[in-house]
Amino acid sequence: MNVRRAGAGSRFLYDSFDAAAARIEANERVAEERWSALEFRLGQIDAVLERLEKRIWVGVYGVAAFLLAQGAEAVIRTAMR
C-alpha cells in the first residue's frame, strides 16, 4: 500500500487506493467464508456418501448370504434323498 508522506500531494490521491484496498480485503474475507462453508458442506456430503456406501454393502452381503443359504439348502435336500 502507498504510505502518505506529509506534504507529498493531495489526500484524494491516496484515499481512493485505501477504499479499493478495503474493498479487496472485504471480498477476500467473503471468499474465505464461502470457501469454509463449501468445505463444511462437502464434508457433510462425504459423510452421507460413506454411510450410503456402508448400507449398500450390507445389502450386497445380505443378498449373497441369502443366495448361499438357498444353495446350501438345495445341496442338503439333494443329499438327503
Protein backbone atom coordinates (compact mmCIF):
# COMPACT_ATOMS: atom_id res chain seq x y z
CA MET A 1 0.00 0.00 0.00
CA ASN A 2 1.09 3.56 -0.53
CA VAL A 3 2.18 5.43 2.55
CA ARG A 4 1.26 9.07 2.56
CA ARG A 5 4.06 11.45 3.39
CA ALA A 6 3.36 14.85 4.83
CA GLY A 7 3.14 17.42 2.09
CA ALA A 8 3.54 14.80 -0.64
CA GLY A 9 0.43 15.66 -2.57
CA SER A 10 -3.31 15.60 -2.35
CA ARG A 11 -5.02 13.31 0.15
CA PHE A 12 -7.52 12.42 -2.57
CA LEU A 13 -4.70 10.77 -4.46
CA TYR A 14 -4.30 8.16 -1.71
CA ASP A 15 -7.86 7.86 -0.38
CA SER A 16 -9.13 6.09 -3.47
CA PHE A 17 -6.45 3.42 -3.09
CA ASP A 18 -7.37 2.91 0.55
CA ALA A 19 -11.02 2.38 -0.40
CA ALA A 20 -10.02 -0.07 -3.10
CA ALA A 21 -7.79 -1.96 -0.68
CA ALA A 22 -10.60 -2.13 1.88
CA ARG A 23 -12.98 -3.41 -0.80
CA ILE A 24 -10.45 -6.06 -1.85
CA GLU A 25 -9.93 -7.16 1.76
CA ALA A 26 -13.69 -7.40 2.29
CA ASN A 27 -14.06 -9.51 -0.86
CA GLU A 28 -11.22 -11.76 0.32
CA ARG A 29 -12.94 -12.27 3.68
CA VAL A 30 -16.21 -13.10 1.94
CA ALA A 31 -14.44 -15.56 -0.35
CA GLU A 32 -12.75 -17.15 2.67
CA GLU A 33 -16.09 -17.60 4.44
CA ARG A 34 -17.66 -19.06 1.31
CA TRP A 35 -14.75 -21.46 0.94
CA SER A 36 -15.02 -22.64 4.54
CA ALA A 37 -18.79 -23.11 4.13
CA LEU A 38 -18.17 -25.10 0.95
CA GLU A 39 -15.63 -27.31 2.72
CA PHE A 40 -18.12 -27.89 5.55
CA ARG A 41 -20.88 -28.91 3.14
CA LEU A 42 -18.52 -31.16 1.18
CA GLY A 43 -17.54 -32.83 4.45
CA GLN A 44 -21.20 -33.47 5.21
CA ILE A 45 -21.82 -34.86 1.71
CA ASP A 46 -18.78 -37.11 2.06
CA ALA A 47 -20.08 -38.47 5.39
CA VAL A 48 -23.51 -39.16 3.87
CA LEU A 49 -21.92 -40.96 0.92
CA GLU A 50 -19.85 -43.12 3.26
CA ARG A 51 -22.96 -44.12 5.22
CA LEU A 52 -24.79 -44.87 1.98
CA GLU A 53 -21.88 -46.99 0.78
CA LYS A 54 -21.95 -48.99 4.01
CA ARG A 55 -25.68 -49.59 3.62
CA ILE A 56 -25.23 -50.73 0.03
CA TRP A 57 -22.52 -53.18 1.05
CA VAL A 58 -24.72 -54.56 3.84
CA GLY A 59 -27.42 -55.11 1.23
CA VAL A 60 -25.00 -56.82 -1.14
CA TYR A 61 -23.72 -59.09 1.61
CA GLY A 62 -27.30 -59.84 2.65
CA VAL A 63 -28.25 -60.92 -0.86
CA ALA A 64 -25.06 -63.01 -1.15
CA ALA A 65 -25.81 -64.68 2.21
CA PHE A 66 -29.37 -65.41 1.11
CA LEU A 67 -28.19 -66.99 -2.15
CA LEU A 68 -25.58 -69.06 -0.33
CA ALA A 69 -28.22 -70.25 2.15
CA GLN A 70 -30.51 -71.22 -0.71
CA GLY A 71 -27.66 -73.10 -2.38
CA ALA A 72 -26.75 -74.87 0.85
CA GLU A 73 -30.39 -75.83 1.39
CA ALA A 74 -30.59 -77.26 -2.14
CA VAL A 75 -27.41 -79.27 -1.58
CA ILE A 76 -28.69 -80.62 1.75
CA ARG A 77 -32.05 -81.57 0.22
CA THR A 78 -30.37 -83.49 -2.63
CA ALA A 79 -28.03 -85.19 -0.17
CA MET A 80 -30.96 -86.33 1.98
CA ARG A 81 -32.68 -88.13 -0.91
